[in-house]
PDB file of N, CA and C in Angstrom:
ATOM      1  N   MET A   1      -3.272 -13.959 -10.308  1.00  0.00           N
ATOM      2  CA  MET A   1      -3.719 -13.654  -8.962  1.00  0.00           C
ATOM      3  C   MET A   1      -5.200 -13.294  -9.007  1.00  0.00           C
ATOM      4  N   ALA A   2      -5.958 -13.796  -8.070  1.00  0.00           N
ATOM      5  CA  ALA A   2      -7.393 -13.550  -8.032  1.00  0.00           C
ATOM      6  C   ALA A   2      -7.683 -12.066  -7.815  1.00  0.00           C
ATOM      7  N   GLU A   3      -8.774 -11.623  -8.410  1.00  0.00           N
ATOM      8  CA  GLU A   3      -9.125 -10.203  -8.363  1.00  0.00           C
ATOM      9  C   GLU A   3      -9.273  -9.671  -6.947  1.00  0.00           C
ATOM     10  N   GLU A   4      -9.816 -10.464  -6.014  1.00  0.00           N
ATOM     11  CA  GLU A   4     -10.002  -9.991  -4.641  1.00  0.00           C
ATOM     12  C   GLU A   4      -8.675  -9.789  -3.912  1.00  0.00           C
ATOM     13  N   LEU A   5      -7.584 -10.253  -4.500  1.00  0.00           N
ATOM     14  CA  LEU A   5      -6.263 -10.083  -3.886  1.00  0.00           C
ATOM     15  C   LEU A   5      -5.518  -8.880  -4.465  1.00  0.00           C
ATOM     16  N   LYS A   6      -6.233  -8.056  -5.215  1.00  0.00           N
ATOM     17  CA  LYS A   6      -5.597  -6.917  -5.882  1.00  0.00           C
ATOM     18  C   LYS A   6      -6.541  -5.723  -5.830  1.00  0.00           C
ATOM     19  N   VAL A   7      -6.040  -4.581  -5.357  1.00  0.00           N
ATOM     20  CA  VAL A   7      -6.853  -3.364  -5.313  1.00  0.00           C
ATOM     21  C   VAL A   7      -6.049  -2.191  -5.865  1.00  0.00           C
ATOM     22  N   ASP A   8      -6.768  -1.258  -6.463  1.00  0.00           N
ATOM     23  CA  ASP A   8      -6.154  -0.015  -6.918  1.00  0.00           C
ATOM     24  C   ASP A   8      -6.577   1.092  -5.968  1.00  0.00           C
ATOM     25  N   VAL A   9      -5.620   1.912  -5.584  1.00  0.00           N
ATOM     26  CA  VAL A   9      -5.886   3.042  -4.697  1.00  0.00           C
ATOM     27  C   VAL A   9      -5.247   4.288  -5.294  1.00  0.00           C
ATOM     28  N   ILE A  10      -5.672   5.426  -4.804  1.00  0.00           N
ATOM     29  CA  ILE A  10      -5.083   6.695  -5.226  1.00  0.00           C
ATOM     30  C   ILE A  10      -4.620   7.428  -3.979  1.00  0.00           C
ATOM     31  N   VAL A  11      -3.409   7.950  -4.022  1.00  0.00           N
ATOM     32  CA  VAL A  11      -2.880   8.737  -2.902  1.00  0.00           C
ATOM     33  C   VAL A  11      -3.736   9.992  -2.790  1.00  0.00           C
ATOM     34  N   ARG A  12      -4.320  10.205  -1.603  1.00  0.00           N
ATOM     35  CA  ARG A  12      -5.254  11.323  -1.399  1.00  0.00           C
ATOM     36  C   ARG A  12      -4.813  12.235  -0.265  1.00  0.00           C
ATOM     37  N   ASN A  13      -3.526  12.418  -0.111  1.00  0.00           N
ATOM     38  CA  ASN A  13      -3.076  13.387   0.879  1.00  0.00           C
ATOM     39  C   ASN A  13      -2.029  14.297   0.243  1.00  0.00           C
ATOM     40  N   PRO A  14      -2.086  15.576   0.566  1.00  0.00           N
ATOM     41  CA  PRO A  14      -1.246  16.573  -0.090  1.00  0.00           C
ATOM     42  C   PRO A  14       0.263  16.285  -0.024  1.00  0.00           C
ATOM     43  N   LEU A  15       0.718  15.626   1.040  1.00  0.00           N
ATOM     44  CA  LEU A  15       2.156  15.367   1.174  1.00  0.00           C
ATOM     45  C   LEU A  15       2.585  14.051   0.527  1.00  0.00           C
ATOM     46  N   GLY A  16       1.643  13.327  -0.054  1.00  0.00           N
ATOM     47  CA  GLY A  16       1.982  12.059  -0.691  1.00  0.00           C
ATOM     48  C   GLY A  16       2.336  10.996   0.337  1.00  0.00           C
ATOM     49  N   LEU A  17       3.047   9.965  -0.118  1.00  0.00           N
ATOM     50  CA  LEU A  17       3.443   8.877   0.787  1.00  0.00           C
ATOM     51  C   LEU A  17       4.776   9.227   1.442  1.00  0.00           C
ATOM     52  N   HIS A  18       4.707   9.968   2.520  1.00  0.00           N
ATOM     53  CA  HIS A  18       5.911  10.312   3.273  1.00  0.00           C
ATOM     54  C   HIS A  18       6.094   9.283   4.390  1.00  0.00           C
ATOM     55  N   ALA A  19       6.973   9.538   5.332  1.00  0.00           N
ATOM     56  CA  ALA A  19       7.372   8.535   6.323  1.00  0.00           C
ATOM     57  C   ALA A  19       6.221   8.001   7.180  1.00  0.00           C
ATOM     58  N   ARG A  20       5.327   8.854   7.655  1.00  0.00           N
ATOM     59  CA  ARG A  20       4.254   8.368   8.531  1.00  0.00           C
ATOM     60  C   ARG A  20       3.297   7.423   7.810  1.00  0.00           C
ATOM     61  N   PRO A  21       2.760   7.812   6.636  1.00  0.00           N
ATOM     62  CA  PRO A  21       1.909   6.853   5.926  1.00  0.00           C
ATOM     63  C   PRO A  21       2.659   5.577   5.536  1.00  0.00           C
ATOM     64  N   ALA A  22       3.909   5.706   5.144  1.00  0.00           N
ATOM     65  CA  ALA A  22       4.705   4.525   4.774  1.00  0.00           C
ATOM     66  C   ALA A  22       4.832   3.580   5.967  1.00  0.00           C
ATOM     67  N   ALA A  23       5.027   4.138   7.153  1.00  0.00           N
ATOM     68  CA  ALA A  23       5.147   3.307   8.356  1.00  0.00           C
ATOM     69  C   ALA A  23       3.831   2.598   8.677  1.00  0.00           C
ATOM     70  N   LEU A  24       2.706   3.281   8.477  1.00  0.00           N
ATOM     71  CA  LEU A  24       1.400   2.664   8.726  1.00  0.00           C
ATOM     72  C   LEU A  24       1.153   1.492   7.772  1.00  0.00           C
ATOM     73  N   ILE A  25       1.497   1.682   6.498  1.00  0.00           N
ATOM     74  CA  ILE A  25       1.336   0.615   5.505  1.00  0.00           C
ATOM     75  C   ILE A  25       2.243  -0.556   5.848  1.00  0.00           C
ATOM     76  N   ALA A  26       3.512  -0.266   6.115  1.00  0.00           N
ATOM     77  CA  ALA A  26       4.493  -1.324   6.396  1.00  0.00           C
ATOM     78  C   ALA A  26       4.098  -2.124   7.637  1.00  0.00           C
ATOM     79  N   LYS A  27       3.591  -1.444   8.656  1.00  0.00           N
ATOM     80  CA  LYS A  27       3.185  -2.132   9.885  1.00  0.00           C
ATOM     81  C   LYS A  27       2.090  -3.160   9.590  1.00  0.00           C
ATOM     82  N   LEU A  28       1.112  -2.780   8.779  1.00  0.00           N
ATOM     83  CA  LEU A  28       0.055  -3.719   8.411  1.00  0.00           C
ATOM     84  C   LEU A  28       0.614  -4.858   7.559  1.00  0.00           C
ATOM     85  N   ALA A  29       1.436  -4.515   6.568  1.00  0.00           N
ATOM     86  CA  ALA A  29       1.981  -5.523   5.648  1.00  0.00           C
ATOM     87  C   ALA A  29       2.872  -6.528   6.367  1.00  0.00           C
ATOM     88  N   MET A  30       3.555  -6.107   7.421  1.00  0.00           N
ATOM     89  CA  MET A  30       4.419  -7.023   8.176  1.00  0.00           C
ATOM     90  C   MET A  30       3.622  -8.124   8.868  1.00  0.00           C
ATOM     91  N   ASN A  31       2.336  -7.879   9.109  1.00  0.00           N
ATOM     92  CA  ASN A  31       1.489  -8.875   9.756  1.00  0.00           C
ATOM     93  C   ASN A  31       0.901  -9.891   8.779  1.00  0.00           C
ATOM     94  N   ALA A  32       1.173  -9.715   7.500  1.00  0.00           N
ATOM     95  CA  ALA A  32       0.627 -10.626   6.490  1.00  0.00           C
ATOM     96  C   ALA A  32       1.333 -11.978   6.558  1.00  0.00           C
ATOM     97  N   SER A  33       0.600 -13.017   6.199  1.00  0.00           N
ATOM     98  CA  SER A  33       1.181 -14.364   6.202  1.00  0.00           C
ATOM     99  C   SER A  33       2.056 -14.598   4.971  1.00  0.00           C
ATOM    100  N   ALA A  34       1.849 -13.795   3.938  1.00  0.00           N
ATOM    101  CA  ALA A  34       2.655 -13.872   2.711  1.00  0.00           C
ATOM    102  C   ALA A  34       2.923 -12.433   2.256  1.00  0.00           C
ATOM    103  N   GLY A  35       3.479 -12.275   1.081  1.00  0.00           N
ATOM    104  CA  GLY A  35       3.863 -10.945   0.613  1.00  0.00           C
ATOM    105  C   GLY A  35       2.701 -10.033   0.276  1.00  0.00           C
ATOM    106  N   ILE A  36       2.907  -8.751   0.543  1.00  0.00           N
ATOM    107  CA  ILE A  36       2.014  -7.681   0.093  1.00  0.00           C
ATOM    108  C   ILE A  36       2.885  -6.798  -0.792  1.00  0.00           C
ATOM    109  N   TRP A  37       2.448  -6.554  -2.002  1.00  0.00           N
ATOM    110  CA  TRP A  37       3.243  -5.821  -2.987  1.00  0.00           C
ATOM    111  C   TRP A  37       2.514  -4.570  -3.438  1.00  0.00           C
ATOM    112  N   MET A  38       3.272  -3.502  -3.655  1.00  0.00           N
ATOM    113  CA  MET A  38       2.722  -2.249  -4.158  1.00  0.00           C
ATOM    114  C   MET A  38       3.406  -1.917  -5.480  1.00  0.00           C
ATOM    115  N   THR A  39       2.598  -1.512  -6.468  1.00  0.00           N
ATOM    116  CA  THR A  39       3.136  -1.126  -7.768  1.00  0.00           C
ATOM    117  C   THR A  39       2.673   0.279  -8.109  1.00  0.00           C
ATOM    118  N   ALA A  40       3.639   1.139  -8.425  1.00  0.00           N
ATOM    119  CA  ALA A  40       3.352   2.506  -8.875  1.00  0.00           C
ATOM    120  C   ALA A  40       4.466   2.922  -9.822  1.00  0.00           C
ATOM    121  N   ASN A  41       4.108   3.669 -10.834  1.00  0.00           N
ATOM    122  CA  ASN A  41       5.102   4.169 -11.786  1.00  0.00           C
ATOM    123  C   ASN A  41       5.961   3.032 -12.351  1.00  0.00           C
ATOM    124  N   SER A  42       5.328   1.901 -12.664  1.00  0.00           N
ATOM    125  CA  SER A  42       5.985   0.720 -13.252  1.00  0.00           C
ATOM    126  C   SER A  42       7.027   0.073 -12.345  1.00  0.00           C
ATOM    127  N   GLU A  43       6.982   0.361 -11.054  1.00  0.00           N
ATOM    128  CA  GLU A  43       7.913  -0.252 -10.095  1.00  0.00           C
ATOM    129  C   GLU A  43       7.109  -0.994  -9.029  1.00  0.00           C
ATOM    130  N   THR A  44       7.523  -2.229  -8.725  1.00  0.00           N
ATOM    131  CA  THR A  44       6.858  -3.034  -7.701  1.00  0.00           C
ATOM    132  C   THR A  44       7.793  -3.206  -6.514  1.00  0.00           C
ATOM    133  N   ILE A  45       7.237  -2.980  -5.324  1.00  0.00           N
ATOM    134  CA  ILE A  45       8.041  -3.052  -4.100  1.00  0.00           C
ATOM    135  C   ILE A  45       7.337  -3.879  -3.028  1.00  0.00           C
ATOM    136  N   ASP A  46       8.091  -4.268  -2.016  1.00  0.00           N
ATOM    137  CA  ASP A  46       7.589  -4.994  -0.850  1.00  0.00           C
ATOM    138  C   ASP A  46       6.952  -3.979   0.100  1.00  0.00           C
ATOM    139  N   ALA A  47       5.654  -4.119   0.334  1.00  0.00           N
ATOM    140  CA  ALA A  47       4.928  -3.147   1.158  1.00  0.00           C
ATOM    141  C   ALA A  47       5.292  -3.213   2.636  1.00  0.00           C
ATOM    142  N   SER A  48       6.058  -4.207   3.046  1.00  0.00           N
ATOM    143  CA  SER A  48       6.458  -4.278   4.455  1.00  0.00           C
ATOM    144  C   SER A  48       7.732  -3.471   4.722  1.00  0.00           C
ATOM    145  N   SER A  49       8.278  -2.835   3.682  1.00  0.00           N
ATOM    146  CA  SER A  49       9.505  -2.046   3.818  1.00  0.00           C
ATOM    147  C   SER A  49       9.207  -0.555   3.667  1.00  0.00           C
ATOM    148  N   ILE A  50       9.417   0.194   4.745  1.00  0.00           N
ATOM    149  CA  ILE A  50       9.208   1.643   4.700  1.00  0.00           C
ATOM    150  C   ILE A  50      10.096   2.280   3.622  1.00  0.00           C
ATOM    151  N   ILE A  51      11.337   1.858   3.561  1.00  0.00           N
ATOM    152  CA  ILE A  51      12.275   2.417   2.577  1.00  0.00           C
ATOM    153  C   ILE A  51      11.791   2.150   1.157  1.00  0.00           C
ATOM    154  N   ASP A  52      11.318   0.920   0.907  1.00  0.00           N
ATOM    155  CA  ASP A  52      10.799   0.598  -0.432  1.00  0.00           C
ATOM    156  C   ASP A  52       9.598   1.477  -0.776  1.00  0.00           C
ATOM    157  N   ILE A  53       8.693   1.665   0.183  1.00  0.00           N
ATOM    158  CA  ILE A  53       7.513   2.502  -0.062  1.00  0.00           C
ATOM    159  C   ILE A  53       7.938   3.924  -0.386  1.00  0.00           C
ATOM    160  N   LEU A  54       8.873   4.467   0.387  1.00  0.00           N
ATOM    161  CA  LEU A  54       9.348   5.823   0.133  1.00  0.00           C
ATOM    162  C   LEU A  54      10.031   5.934  -1.229  1.00  0.00           C
ATOM    163  N   SER A  55      10.679   4.847  -1.667  1.00  0.00           N
ATOM    164  CA  SER A  55      11.392   4.878  -2.952  1.00  0.00           C
ATOM    165  C   SER A  55      10.433   5.032  -4.130  1.00  0.00           C
ATOM    166  N   LEU A  56       9.156   4.720  -3.934  1.00  0.00           N
ATOM    167  CA  LEU A  56       8.182   4.908  -5.008  1.00  0.00           C
ATOM    168  C   LEU A  56       7.917   6.391  -5.279  1.00  0.00           C
ATOM    169  N   ALA A  57       8.209   7.246  -4.314  1.00  0.00           N
ATOM    170  CA  ALA A  57       8.033   8.704  -4.445  1.00  0.00           C
ATOM    171  C   ALA A  57       6.630   9.061  -4.939  1.00  0.00           C
ATOM    172  N   CYS A  58       5.617   8.523  -4.287  1.00  0.00           N
ATOM    173  CA  CYS A  58       4.230   8.755  -4.692  1.00  0.00           C
ATOM    174  C   CYS A  58       3.723  10.085  -4.160  1.00  0.00           C
ATOM    175  N   THR A  59       3.269  10.909  -5.070  1.00  0.00           N
ATOM    176  CA  THR A  59       2.704  12.203  -4.710  1.00  0.00           C
ATOM    177  C   THR A  59       1.177  12.112  -4.707  1.00  0.00           C
ATOM    178  N   ASP A  60       0.535  13.169  -4.259  1.00  0.00           N
ATOM    179  CA  ASP A  60      -0.919  13.241  -4.246  1.00  0.00           C
ATOM    180  C   ASP A  60      -1.451  12.952  -5.648  1.00  0.00           C
ATOM    181  N   GLY A  61      -2.404  12.027  -5.752  1.00  0.00           N
ATOM    182  CA  GLY A  61      -2.988  11.689  -7.043  1.00  0.00           C
ATOM    183  C   GLY A  61      -2.384  10.470  -7.717  1.00  0.00           C
ATOM    184  N   THR A  62      -1.285   9.934  -7.182  1.00  0.00           N
ATOM    185  CA  THR A  62      -0.647   8.758  -7.770  1.00  0.00           C
ATOM    186  C   THR A  62      -1.538   7.532  -7.601  1.00  0.00           C
ATOM    187  N   ARG A  63      -1.690   6.754  -8.679  1.00  0.00           N
ATOM    188  CA  ARG A  63      -2.450   5.488  -8.622  1.00  0.00           C
ATOM    189  C   ARG A  63      -1.487   4.360  -8.268  1.00  0.00           C
ATOM    190  N   ILE A  64      -1.890   3.544  -7.293  1.00  0.00           N
ATOM    191  CA  ILE A  64      -1.067   2.428  -6.817  1.00  0.00           C
ATOM    192  C   ILE A  64      -1.904   1.160  -6.844  1.00  0.00           C
ATOM    193  N   THR A  65      -1.296   0.068  -7.291  1.00  0.00           N
ATOM    194  CA  THR A  65      -1.935  -1.242  -7.220  1.00  0.00           C
ATOM    195  C   THR A  65      -1.298  -1.995  -6.063  1.00  0.00           C
ATOM    196  N   ILE A  66      -2.130  -2.554  -5.201  1.00  0.00           N
ATOM    197  CA  ILE A  66      -1.649  -3.317  -4.053  1.00  0.00           C
ATOM    198  C   ILE A  66      -2.143  -4.750  -4.216  1.00  0.00           C
ATOM    199  N   GLU A  67      -1.224  -5.699  -4.053  1.00  0.00           N
ATOM    200  CA  GLU A  67      -1.566  -7.108  -4.231  1.00  0.00           C
ATOM    201  C   GLU A  67      -1.116  -7.926  -3.028  1.00  0.00           C
ATOM    202  N   ALA A  68      -1.959  -8.894  -2.665  1.00  0.00           N
ATOM    203  CA  ALA A  68      -1.620  -9.839  -1.607  1.00  0.00           C
ATOM    204  C   ALA A  68      -1.373 -11.194  -2.249  1.00  0.00           C
ATOM    205  N   GLU A  69      -0.363 -11.895  -1.776  1.00  0.00           N
ATOM    206  CA  GLU A  69      -0.062 -13.225  -2.311  1.00  0.00           C
ATOM    207  C   GLU A  69      -1.006 -14.293  -1.785  1.00  0.00           C
ATOM    208  N   SER A  70      -1.547 -14.089  -0.593  1.00  0.00           N
ATOM    209  CA  SER A  70      -2.365 -15.115   0.049  1.00  0.00           C
ATOM    210  C   SER A  70      -3.781 -14.619   0.322  1.00  0.00           C
ATOM    211  N   LYS A  71      -4.737 -15.489   0.089  1.00  0.00           N
ATOM    212  CA  LYS A  71      -6.135 -15.162   0.359  1.00  0.00           C
ATOM    213  C   LYS A  71      -6.357 -14.867   1.846  1.00  0.00           C
ATOM    214  N   SER A  72      -5.509 -15.418   2.698  1.00  0.00           N
ATOM    215  CA  SER A  72      -5.650 -15.174   4.137  1.00  0.00           C
ATOM    216  C   SER A  72      -5.304 -13.729   4.513  1.00  0.00           C
ATOM    217  N   ASP A  73      -4.744 -12.968   3.585  1.00  0.00           N
ATOM    218  CA  ASP A  73      -4.347 -11.579   3.859  1.00  0.00           C
ATOM    219  C   ASP A  73      -5.312 -10.550   3.271  1.00  0.00           C
ATOM    220  N   VAL A  74      -6.493 -10.984   2.859  1.00  0.00           N
ATOM    221  CA  VAL A  74      -7.470 -10.070   2.266  1.00  0.00           C
ATOM    222  C   VAL A  74      -7.845  -8.959   3.243  1.00  0.00           C
ATOM    223  N   GLU A  75      -7.974  -9.267   4.523  1.00  0.00           N
ATOM    224  CA  GLU A  75      -8.339  -8.248   5.510  1.00  0.00           C
ATOM    225  C   GLU A  75      -7.240  -7.183   5.626  1.00  0.00           C
ATOM    226  N   ILE A  76      -5.989  -7.591   5.572  1.00  0.00           N
ATOM    227  CA  ILE A  76      -4.882  -6.629   5.614  1.00  0.00           C
ATOM    228  C   ILE A  76      -4.948  -5.720   4.387  1.00  0.00           C
ATOM    229  N   LEU A  77      -5.247  -6.301   3.240  1.00  0.00           N
ATOM    230  CA  LEU A  77      -5.395  -5.516   2.012  1.00  0.00           C
ATOM    231  C   LEU A  77      -6.511  -4.482   2.171  1.00  0.00           C
ATOM    232  N   ARG A  78      -7.611  -4.879   2.781  1.00  0.00           N
ATOM    233  CA  ARG A  78      -8.727  -3.950   3.036  1.00  0.00           C
ATOM    234  C   ARG A  78      -8.307  -2.829   3.978  1.00  0.00           C
ATOM    235  N   GLU A  79      -7.543  -3.169   5.010  1.00  0.00           N
ATOM    236  CA  GLU A  79      -7.093  -2.151   5.968  1.00  0.00           C
ATOM    237  C   GLU A  79      -6.159  -1.150   5.299  1.00  0.00           C
ATOM    238  N   ILE A  80      -5.272  -1.629   4.433  1.00  0.00           N
ATOM    239  CA  ILE A  80      -4.375  -0.723   3.723  1.00  0.00           C
ATOM    240  C   ILE A  80      -5.185   0.175   2.783  1.00  0.00           C
ATOM    241  N   ARG A  81      -6.146  -0.404   2.068  1.00  0.00           N
ATOM    242  CA  ARG A  81      -6.999   0.397   1.174  1.00  0.00           C
ATOM    243  C   ARG A  81      -7.730   1.476   1.974  1.00  0.00           C
ATOM    244  N   SER A  82      -8.212   1.133   3.165  1.00  0.00           N
ATOM    245  CA  SER A  82      -8.908   2.093   4.016  1.00  0.00           C
ATOM    246  C   SER A  82      -8.014   3.269   4.391  1.00  0.00           C
ATOM    247  N   LEU A  83      -6.737   3.001   4.670  1.00  0.00           N
ATOM    248  CA  LEU A  83      -5.791   4.088   4.978  1.00  0.00           C
ATOM    249  C   LEU A  83      -5.740   5.094   3.817  1.00  0.00           C
ATOM    250  N   PHE A  84      -5.654   4.569   2.606  1.00  0.00           N
ATOM    251  CA  PHE A  84      -5.620   5.453   1.429  1.00  0.00           C
ATOM    252  C   PHE A  84      -6.909   6.224   1.277  1.00  0.00           C
ATOM    253  N   GLU A  85      -8.045   5.539   1.474  1.00  0.00           N
ATOM    254  CA  GLU A  85      -9.344   6.198   1.315  1.00  0.00           C
ATOM    255  C   GLU A  85      -9.537   7.331   2.309  1.00  0.00           C
ATOM    256  N   LYS A  86      -8.958   7.201   3.510  1.00  0.00           N
ATOM    257  CA  LYS A  86      -9.058   8.244   4.546  1.00  0.00           C
ATOM    258  C   LYS A  86      -7.957   9.299   4.413  1.00  0.00           C
ATOM    259  N   GLY A  87      -7.116   9.164   3.416  1.00  0.00           N
ATOM    260  CA  GLY A  87      -6.018  10.122   3.275  1.00  0.00           C
ATOM    261  C   GLY A  87      -5.054  10.056   4.436  1.00  0.00           C
ATOM    262  N   PHE A  88      -4.957   8.882   5.076  1.00  0.00           N
ATOM    263  CA  PHE A  88      -4.076   8.661   6.232  1.00  0.00           C
ATOM    264  C   PHE A  88      -4.392   9.622   7.373  1.00  0.00           C
ATOM    265  N   ASP A  89      -5.643  10.094   7.404  1.00  0.00           N
ATOM    266  CA  ASP A  89      -6.109  11.024   8.448  1.00  0.00           C
ATOM    267  C   ASP A  89      -5.245  12.287   8.537  1.00  0.00           C
ATOM    268  N   GLU A  90      -4.774  12.718   7.392  1.00  0.00           N
ATOM    269  CA  GLU A  90      -3.960  13.957   7.374  1.00  0.00           C
ATOM    270  C   GLU A  90      -4.761  15.112   6.822  1.00  0.00           C
TER     271      GLU A  90
END
């Protein structure tokens, strides 16, 4: 997979990836033309599934790799990265 289709982020909110941030990520990922995948703690999940995101149990400080299958989804990948960088405005 091309490097521009893969980003590393760090969870930067004290409550980790709970339901609200998971819903924000899933909403963006559902608009992708192909799959968006998140990997943390050696587990890879479908980023369009709130339940899958919650199953990663990511706490503050967890490093996550996010990958897009299609080059047409680079903007969605950027938007998801931005959510992490802002700490989901929490």
